[in-house]
PDB file of all heavy atoms in Angstrom:
ATOM      1  N   ASP A   1       3.762 -82.380  40.559  1.00  0.00           N
ATOM      2  CA  ASP A   1       2.752 -81.474  40.014  1.00  0.00           C
ATOM      3  C   ASP A   1       2.313 -81.938  38.630  1.00  0.00           C
ATOM      4  O   ASP A   1       1.116 -81.938  38.308  1.00  0.00           O
ATOM      5  CB  ASP A   1       3.322 -80.063  39.948  1.00  0.00           C
ATOM      6  CG  ASP A   1       2.301 -79.041  39.464  1.00  0.00           C
ATOM      7  OD1 ASP A   1       1.491 -78.583  40.281  1.00  0.00           O
ATOM      8  OD2 ASP A   1       2.312 -78.715  38.265  1.00  0.00           O
ATOM      9  N   GLN A   2       3.264 -82.354  37.801  1.00  0.00           N
ATOM     10  CA  GLN A   2       2.944 -82.862  36.476  1.00  0.00           C
ATOM     11  C   GLN A   2       2.000 -84.064  36.559  1.00  0.00           C
ATOM     12  O   GLN A   2       0.984 -84.133  35.857  1.00  0.00           O
ATOM     13  CB  GLN A   2       4.232 -83.285  35.763  1.00  0.00           C
ATOM     14  CG  GLN A   2       5.093 -82.129  35.293  1.00  0.00           C
ATOM     15  CD  GLN A   2       4.644 -81.615  33.934  1.00  0.00           C
ATOM     16  OE1 GLN A   2       4.636 -82.346  32.952  1.00  0.00           O
ATOM     17  NE2 GLN A   2       4.244 -80.368  33.891  1.00  0.00           N
ATOM     18  N   GLU A   3       2.314 -84.994  37.424  1.00  0.00           N
ATOM     19  CA  GLU A   3       1.496 -86.201  37.549  1.00  0.00           C
ATOM     20  C   GLU A   3       0.086 -85.869  38.039  1.00  0.00           C
ATOM     21  O   GLU A   3      -0.900 -86.414  37.538  1.00  0.00           O
ATOM     22  CB  GLU A   3       2.164 -87.191  38.514  1.00  0.00           C
ATOM     23  CG  GLU A   3       1.380 -88.464  38.746  1.00  0.00           C
ATOM     24  CD  GLU A   3       1.100 -89.230  37.461  1.00  0.00           C
ATOM     25  OE1 GLU A   3       1.942 -89.206  36.543  1.00  0.00           O
ATOM     26  OE2 GLU A   3       0.018 -89.851  37.363  1.00  0.00           O
ATOM     27  N   ALA A   4      -0.012 -84.953  38.993  1.00  0.00           N
ATOM     28  CA  ALA A   4      -1.323 -84.603  39.542  1.00  0.00           C
ATOM     29  C   ALA A   4      -2.214 -83.931  38.511  1.00  0.00           C
ATOM     30  O   ALA A   4      -3.446 -84.051  38.572  1.00  0.00           O
ATOM     31  CB  ALA A   4      -1.141 -83.696  40.755  1.00  0.00           C
ATOM     32  N   PHE A   5      -1.618 -83.219  37.552  1.00  0.00           N
ATOM     33  CA  PHE A   5      -2.416 -82.448  36.600  1.00  0.00           C
ATOM     34  C   PHE A   5      -2.686 -83.174  35.285  1.00  0.00           C
ATOM     35  O   PHE A   5      -3.225 -82.581  34.350  1.00  0.00           O
ATOM     36  CB  PHE A   5      -1.738 -81.097  36.321  1.00  0.00           C
ATOM     37  CG  PHE A   5      -2.144 -80.037  37.300  1.00  0.00           C
ATOM     38  CD1 PHE A   5      -1.476 -79.892  38.505  1.00  0.00           C
ATOM     39  CD2 PHE A   5      -3.214 -79.198  37.026  1.00  0.00           C
ATOM     40  CE1 PHE A   5      -1.859 -78.931  39.417  1.00  0.00           C
ATOM     41  CE2 PHE A   5      -3.605 -78.231  37.928  1.00  0.00           C
ATOM     42  CZ  PHE A   5      -2.931 -78.089  39.134  1.00  0.00           C
ATOM     43  N   ARG A   6      -2.354 -84.464  35.212  1.00  0.00           N
ATOM     44  CA  ARG A   6      -2.533 -85.168  33.943  1.00  0.00           C
ATOM     45  C   ARG A   6      -3.991 -85.212  33.487  1.00  0.00           C
ATOM     46  O   ARG A   6      -4.264 -85.309  32.289  1.00  0.00           O
ATOM     47  CB  ARG A   6      -1.982 -86.590  34.042  1.00  0.00           C
ATOM     48  CG  ARG A   6      -0.467 -86.609  34.028  1.00  0.00           C
ATOM     49  CD  ARG A   6       0.113 -87.975  33.718  1.00  0.00           C
ATOM     50  NE  ARG A   6       1.566 -87.879  33.693  1.00  0.00           N
ATOM     51  CZ  ARG A   6       2.279 -87.456  32.672  1.00  0.00           C
ATOM     52  NH1 ARG A   6       1.658 -87.085  31.567  1.00  0.00           N
ATOM     53  NH2 ARG A   6       3.587 -87.394  32.737  1.00  0.00           N
ATOM     54  N   ASP A   7      -4.946 -85.157  34.407  1.00  0.00           N
ATOM     55  CA  ASP A   7      -6.356 -85.158  34.015  1.00  0.00           C
ATOM     56  C   ASP A   7      -6.963 -83.762  34.054  1.00  0.00           C
ATOM     57  O   ASP A   7      -8.176 -83.591  33.989  1.00  0.00           O
ATOM     58  CB  ASP A   7      -7.164 -86.095  34.912  1.00  0.00           C
ATOM     59  CG  ASP A   7      -7.092 -85.718  36.393  1.00  0.00           C
ATOM     60  OD1 ASP A   7      -6.257 -84.865  36.752  1.00  0.00           O
ATOM     61  OD2 ASP A   7      -7.876 -86.284  37.177  1.00  0.00           O
ATOM     62  N   HIS A   8      -6.111 -82.758  34.159  1.00  0.00           N
ATOM     63  CA  HIS A   8      -6.581 -81.376  34.188  1.00  0.00           C
ATOM     64  C   HIS A   8      -6.914 -80.899  32.774  1.00  0.00           C
ATOM     65  O   HIS A   8      -6.339 -81.371  31.795  1.00  0.00           O
ATOM     66  CB  HIS A   8      -5.491 -80.476  34.788  1.00  0.00           C
ATOM     67  CG  HIS A   8      -5.920 -79.074  35.053  1.00  0.00           C
ATOM     68  ND1 HIS A   8      -5.860 -78.097  34.094  1.00  0.00           N
ATOM     69  CD2 HIS A   8      -6.420 -78.487  36.167  1.00  0.00           C
ATOM     70  CE1 HIS A   8      -6.293 -76.954  34.613  1.00  0.00           C
ATOM     71  NE2 HIS A   8      -6.649 -77.164  35.845  1.00  0.00           N
ATOM     72  N   VAL A   9      -7.832 -79.945  32.683  1.00  0.00           N
ATOM     73  CA  VAL A   9      -8.219 -79.379  31.391  1.00  0.00           C
ATOM     74  C   VAL A   9      -6.994 -78.825  30.667  1.00  0.00           C
ATOM     75  O   VAL A   9      -6.243 -78.014  31.215  1.00  0.00           O
ATOM     76  CB  VAL A   9      -9.242 -78.244  31.596  1.00  0.00           C
ATOM     77  CG1 VAL A   9      -9.531 -77.536  30.278  1.00  0.00           C
ATOM     78  CG2 VAL A   9     -10.529 -78.792  32.197  1.00  0.00           C
ATOM     79  N   GLY A  10      -6.775 -79.286  29.439  1.00  0.00           N
ATOM     80  CA  GLY A  10      -5.710 -78.747  28.601  1.00  0.00           C
ATOM     81  C   GLY A  10      -4.306 -79.172  28.971  1.00  0.00           C
ATOM     82  O   GLY A  10      -3.337 -78.588  28.455  1.00  0.00           O
ATOM     83  N   PHE A  11      -4.137 -80.181  29.815  1.00  0.00           N
ATOM     84  CA  PHE A  11      -2.789 -80.564  30.252  1.00  0.00           C
ATOM     85  C   PHE A  11      -1.911 -80.998  29.081  1.00  0.00           C
ATOM     86  O   PHE A  11      -2.344 -81.719  28.186  1.00  0.00           O
ATOM     87  CB  PHE A  11      -2.863 -81.715  31.259  1.00  0.00           C
ATOM     88  CG  PHE A  11      -1.507 -82.250  31.647  1.00  0.00           C
ATOM     89  CD1 PHE A  11      -0.727 -81.585  32.564  1.00  0.00           C
ATOM     90  CD2 PHE A  11      -1.009 -83.407  31.047  1.00  0.00           C
ATOM     91  CE1 PHE A  11       0.539 -82.064  32.903  1.00  0.00           C
ATOM     92  CE2 PHE A  11       0.246 -83.892  31.390  1.00  0.00           C
ATOM     93  CZ  PHE A  11       1.018 -83.220  32.317  1.00  0.00           C
ATOM     94  N   ALA A  12      -0.668 -80.539  29.107  1.00  0.00           N
ATOM     95  CA  ALA A  12       0.361 -80.979  28.165  1.00  0.00           C
ATOM     96  C   ALA A  12       1.600 -81.338  28.971  1.00  0.00           C
ATOM     97  O   ALA A  12       1.994 -80.603  29.882  1.00  0.00           O
ATOM     98  CB  ALA A  12       0.689 -79.880  27.167  1.00  0.00           C
ATOM     99  N   ALA A  13       2.193 -82.469  28.667  1.00  0.00           N
ATOM    100  CA  ALA A  13       3.374 -82.911  29.407  1.00  0.00           C
ATOM    101  C   ALA A  13       4.488 -81.878  29.290  1.00  0.00           C
ATOM    102  O   ALA A  13       4.790 -81.381  28.206  1.00  0.00           O
ATOM    103  CB  ALA A  13       3.847 -84.261  28.865  1.00  0.00           C
ATOM    104  N   GLY A  14       5.079 -81.544  30.420  1.00  0.00           N
ATOM    105  CA  GLY A  14       6.137 -80.547  30.443  1.00  0.00           C
ATOM    106  C   GLY A  14       7.422 -81.054  29.809  1.00  0.00           C
ATOM    107  O   GLY A  14       7.715 -82.248  29.819  1.00  0.00           O
ATOM    108  N   THR A  15       8.184 -80.129  29.267  1.00  0.00           N
ATOM    109  CA  THR A  15       9.473 -80.438  28.654  1.00  0.00           C
ATOM    110  C   THR A  15      10.599 -80.082  29.634  1.00  0.00           C
ATOM    111  O   THR A  15      10.366 -79.488  30.689  1.00  0.00           O
ATOM    112  CB  THR A  15       9.657 -79.628  27.370  1.00  0.00           C
ATOM    113  OG1 THR A  15       9.726 -78.221  27.723  1.00  0.00           O
ATOM    114  CG2 THR A  15       8.502 -79.848  26.411  1.00  0.00           C
ATOM    115  N   GLU A  16      11.816 -80.428  29.269  1.00  0.00           N
ATOM    116  CA  GLU A  16      12.965 -80.036  30.087  1.00  0.00           C
ATOM    117  C   GLU A  16      13.062 -78.517  30.167  1.00  0.00           C
ATOM    118  O   GLU A  16      13.423 -77.959  31.221  1.00  0.00           O
ATOM    119  CB  GLU A  16      14.250 -80.610  29.517  1.00  0.00           C
ATOM    120  CG  GLU A  16      15.512 -80.224  30.298  1.00  0.00           C
ATOM    121  CD  GLU A  16      15.508 -80.684  31.759  1.00  0.00           C
ATOM    122  OE1 GLU A  16      14.780 -81.642  32.090  1.00  0.00           O
ATOM    123  OE2 GLU A  16      16.239 -80.060  32.565  1.00  0.00           O
ATOM    124  N   GLN A  17      12.709 -77.826  29.093  1.00  0.00           N
ATOM    125  CA  GLN A  17      12.696 -76.367  29.120  1.00  0.00           C
ATOM    126  C   GLN A  17      11.675 -75.857  30.135  1.00  0.00           C
ATOM    127  O   GLN A  17      11.928 -74.877  30.846  1.00  0.00           O
ATOM    128  CB  GLN A  17      12.377 -75.818  27.728  1.00  0.00           C
ATOM    129  CG  GLN A  17      13.523 -75.936  26.741  1.00  0.00           C
ATOM    130  CD  GLN A  17      14.655 -74.979  27.071  1.00  0.00           C
ATOM    131  OE1 GLN A  17      15.458 -75.227  27.973  1.00  0.00           O
ATOM    132  NE2 GLN A  17      14.725 -73.860  26.371  1.00  0.00           N
ATOM    133  N   ASP A  18      10.529 -76.505  30.206  1.00  0.00           N
ATOM    134  CA  ASP A  18       9.517 -76.116  31.192  1.00  0.00           C
ATOM    135  C   ASP A  18      10.053 -76.281  32.610  1.00  0.00           C
ATOM    136  O   ASP A  18       9.821 -75.435  33.482  1.00  0.00           O
ATOM    137  CB  ASP A  18       8.247 -76.957  31.020  1.00  0.00           C
ATOM    138  CG  ASP A  18       7.536 -76.684  29.721  1.00  0.00           C
ATOM    139  OD1 ASP A  18       7.565 -75.529  29.252  1.00  0.00           O
ATOM    140  OD2 ASP A  18       6.948 -77.629  29.164  1.00  0.00           O
ATOM    141  N   PHE A  19      10.752 -77.388  32.844  1.00  0.00           N
ATOM    142  CA  PHE A  19      11.325 -77.573  34.181  1.00  0.00           C
ATOM    143  C   PHE A  19      12.361 -76.498  34.486  1.00  0.00           C
ATOM    144  O   PHE A  19      12.404 -75.966  35.606  1.00  0.00           O
ATOM    145  CB  PHE A  19      11.971 -78.953  34.334  1.00  0.00           C
ATOM    146  CG  PHE A  19      12.766 -79.062  35.603  1.00  0.00           C
ATOM    147  CD1 PHE A  19      12.139 -79.097  36.834  1.00  0.00           C
ATOM    148  CD2 PHE A  19      14.160 -79.052  35.573  1.00  0.00           C
ATOM    149  CE1 PHE A  19      12.871 -79.147  38.021  1.00  0.00           C
ATOM    150  CE2 PHE A  19      14.903 -79.101  36.739  1.00  0.00           C
ATOM    151  CZ  PHE A  19      14.253 -79.148  37.979  1.00  0.00           C
ATOM    152  N   GLN A  20      13.204 -76.159  33.524  1.00  0.00           N
ATOM    153  CA  GLN A  20      14.225 -75.154  33.764  1.00  0.00           C
ATOM    154  C   GLN A  20      13.595 -73.789  34.053  1.00  0.00           C
ATOM    155  O   GLN A  20      14.091 -73.025  34.893  1.00  0.00           O
ATOM    156  CB  GLN A  20      15.181 -75.066  32.574  1.00  0.00           C
ATOM    157  CG  GLN A  20      16.058 -76.294  32.400  1.00  0.00           C
ATOM    158  CD  GLN A  20      16.930 -76.576  33.610  1.00  0.00           C
ATOM    159  OE1 GLN A  20      17.383 -75.658  34.308  1.00  0.00           O
ATOM    160  NE2 GLN A  20      17.176 -77.846  33.886  1.00  0.00           N
ATOM    161  N   GLU A  21      12.492 -73.470  33.379  1.00  0.00           N
ATOM    162  CA  GLU A  21      11.780 -72.227  33.674  1.00  0.00           C
ATOM    163  C   GLU A  21      11.268 -72.242  35.111  1.00  0.00           C
ATOM    164  O   GLU A  21      11.390 -71.263  35.840  1.00  0.00           O
ATOM    165  CB  GLU A  21      10.616 -72.045  32.697  1.00  0.00           C
ATOM    166  CG  GLU A  21       9.950 -70.673  32.737  1.00  0.00           C
ATOM    167  CD  GLU A  21       8.904 -70.553  33.812  1.00  0.00           C
ATOM    168  OE1 GLU A  21       8.350 -71.584  34.251  1.00  0.00           O
ATOM    169  OE2 GLU A  21       8.623 -69.409  34.240  1.00  0.00           O
ATOM    170  N   PHE A  22      10.702 -73.379  35.522  1.00  0.00           N
ATOM    171  CA  PHE A  22      10.219 -73.570  36.894  1.00  0.00           C
ATOM    172  C   PHE A  22      11.372 -73.441  37.893  1.00  0.00           C
ATOM    173  O   PHE A  22      11.265 -72.747  38.905  1.00  0.00           O
ATOM    174  CB  PHE A  22       9.566 -74.952  36.993  1.00  0.00           C
ATOM    175  CG  PHE A  22       9.228 -75.405  38.380  1.00  0.00           C
ATOM    176  CD1 PHE A  22       8.005 -75.093  38.951  1.00  0.00           C
ATOM    177  CD2 PHE A  22      10.124 -76.173  39.118  1.00  0.00           C
ATOM    178  CE1 PHE A  22       7.678 -75.528  40.226  1.00  0.00           C
ATOM    179  CE2 PHE A  22       9.811 -76.612  40.393  1.00  0.00           C
ATOM    180  CZ  PHE A  22       8.588 -76.288  40.957  1.00  0.00           C
ATOM    181  N   ALA A  23      12.470 -74.100  37.605  1.00  0.00           N
ATOM    182  CA  ALA A  23      13.594 -74.149  38.538  1.00  0.00           C
ATOM    183  C   ALA A  23      14.279 -72.806  38.715  1.00  0.00           C
ATOM    184  O   ALA A  23      14.904 -72.552  39.751  1.00  0.00           O
ATOM    185  CB  ALA A  23      14.616 -75.190  38.068  1.00  0.00           C
ATOM    186  N   ASN A  24      14.169 -71.927  37.716  1.00  0.00           N
ATOM    187  CA  ASN A  24      14.879 -70.654  37.756  1.00  0.00           C
ATOM    188  C   ASN A  24      13.974 -69.452  37.985  1.00  0.00           C
ATOM    189  O   ASN A  24      14.403 -68.311  37.832  1.00  0.00           O
ATOM    190  CB  ASN A  24      15.659 -70.469  36.452  1.00  0.00           C
ATOM    191  CG  ASN A  24      16.835 -71.420  36.347  1.00  0.00           C
ATOM    192  OD1 ASN A  24      17.876 -71.205  36.962  1.00  0.00           O
ATOM    193  ND2 ASN A  24      16.660 -72.489  35.578  1.00  0.00           N
TER     194      ASN A  24
END
């Protein structure tokens, strides 16, 4: 999902905290 959205409006690379929020 991160890779697909790299050219999306306002994209910012996710952090490990972002992944943990996603995972939980």
